[in-house]
Amino acid sequence: MTLFDTLWFSLSVTAPIFLWMLGGYALARMGCFPVRLRSQINQLIFYVSLPLLMFVSILKRPLGEVWEPTLTALLCGVTLLVFAL
């Protein structure tokens, strides 16, 4: 996987997130959402929509492209170290 492929994959995951944010901001500025509804919409987007978007984006890629055993082992080791402290 080249640097450009990695950058493209990162943008394909993060660009829709920023588009959601920009669209929500624009709709809120136009007054499309009542103030009491904004919190519920935020929770829906943050806890359901964005994790689902990231999961589906990763699911579409071959396992070898998204899973690095060395990186996984390093992150698990650092996590254990943090909890040990």
Protein backbone atom coordinates (compact mmCIF):
# COMPACT_ATOMS: atom_id res chain seq x y z
CA MET A 1 0.00 0.00 0.00
CA THR A 2 1.53 3.30 -1.08
CA LEU A 3 1.37 6.60 0.77
CA PHE A 4 -1.22 7.88 -1.70
CA ASP A 5 -3.43 4.81 -1.12
CA THR A 6 -3.20 5.32 2.64
CA LEU A 7 -4.06 9.01 2.29
CA TRP A 8 -6.97 8.22 -0.03
CA PHE A 9 -8.32 5.61 2.42
CA SER A 10 -8.05 8.09 5.31
CA LEU A 11 -9.89 10.76 3.34
CA SER A 12 -12.58 8.31 2.27
CA VAL A 13 -13.30 7.69 5.96
CA THR A 14 -12.91 11.22 7.34
CA ALA A 15 -14.36 13.33 4.51
CA PRO A 16 -17.95 12.13 5.06
CA ILE A 17 -17.60 12.93 8.76
CA PHE A 18 -16.65 16.51 8.01
CA LEU A 19 -19.43 16.76 5.42
CA TRP A 20 -21.94 15.63 8.08
CA MET A 21 -20.58 18.29 10.42
CA LEU A 22 -20.74 21.00 7.78
CA GLY A 23 -24.26 20.00 6.77
CA GLY A 24 -25.46 19.95 10.38
CA TYR A 25 -23.91 23.32 11.06
CA ALA A 26 -25.55 24.81 7.96
CA LEU A 27 -28.97 23.35 8.82
CA ALA A 28 -28.70 24.58 12.43
CA ARG A 29 -27.74 28.08 11.25
CA MET A 30 -30.79 28.10 8.95
CA GLY A 31 -33.00 27.18 11.91
CA CYS A 32 -34.11 23.79 10.61
CA PHE A 33 -33.71 22.09 14.01
CA PRO A 34 -35.34 23.22 17.24
CA VAL A 35 -32.82 23.76 20.05
CA ARG A 36 -34.17 20.85 22.14
CA LEU A 37 -33.81 18.45 19.18
CA ARG A 38 -30.14 19.29 18.50
CA SER A 39 -28.83 17.27 21.44
CA GLN A 40 -30.71 14.16 20.32
CA ILE A 41 -29.51 14.53 16.73
CA ASN A 42 -25.93 14.97 18.00
CA GLN A 43 -26.18 11.72 19.96
CA LEU A 44 -27.63 9.85 16.99
CA ILE A 45 -24.85 11.02 14.68
CA PHE A 46 -22.04 10.53 17.21
CA TYR A 47 -23.07 7.15 18.62
CA VAL A 48 -24.73 5.48 15.61
CA SER A 49 -24.04 7.09 12.25
CA LEU A 50 -20.30 7.82 12.47
CA PRO A 51 -19.23 4.46 13.97
CA LEU A 52 -21.35 2.69 11.37
CA LEU A 53 -19.75 4.74 8.60
CA MET A 54 -16.24 3.87 9.80
CA PHE A 55 -17.14 0.19 10.24
CA VAL A 56 -18.57 -0.09 6.72
CA SER A 57 -15.56 1.74 5.23
CA ILE A 58 -13.17 -0.68 6.93
CA LEU A 59 -15.34 -3.68 6.08
CA LYS A 60 -15.08 -2.92 2.35
CA ARG A 61 -11.28 -3.24 2.44
CA PRO A 62 -9.41 -6.56 2.38
CA LEU A 63 -8.32 -7.67 5.85
CA GLY A 64 -4.63 -7.48 4.92
CA GLU A 65 -4.94 -3.77 4.17
CA VAL A 66 -6.57 -2.73 7.43
CA TRP A 67 -4.97 -5.09 9.96
CA GLU A 68 -1.30 -4.84 10.83
CA PRO A 69 -0.28 -7.49 13.39
CA THR A 70 2.77 -5.52 14.55
CA LEU A 71 0.77 -2.35 15.11
CA THR A 72 -1.96 -4.31 16.88
CA ALA A 73 0.59 -5.92 19.22
CA LEU A 74 2.22 -2.54 19.92
CA LEU A 75 -1.11 -0.88 20.72
CA CYS A 76 -2.14 -3.76 22.99
CA GLY A 77 1.20 -3.53 24.80
CA VAL A 78 0.90 0.21 25.31
CA THR A 79 -2.68 -0.18 26.54
CA LEU A 80 -1.60 -2.81 29.07
CA LEU A 81 1.27 -0.57 30.18
CA VAL A 82 -1.05 2.37 30.74
CA PHE A 83 -3.43 0.24 32.80
CA ALA A 84 -0.49 -1.17 34.80
CA LEU A 85 0.59 2.34 35.78
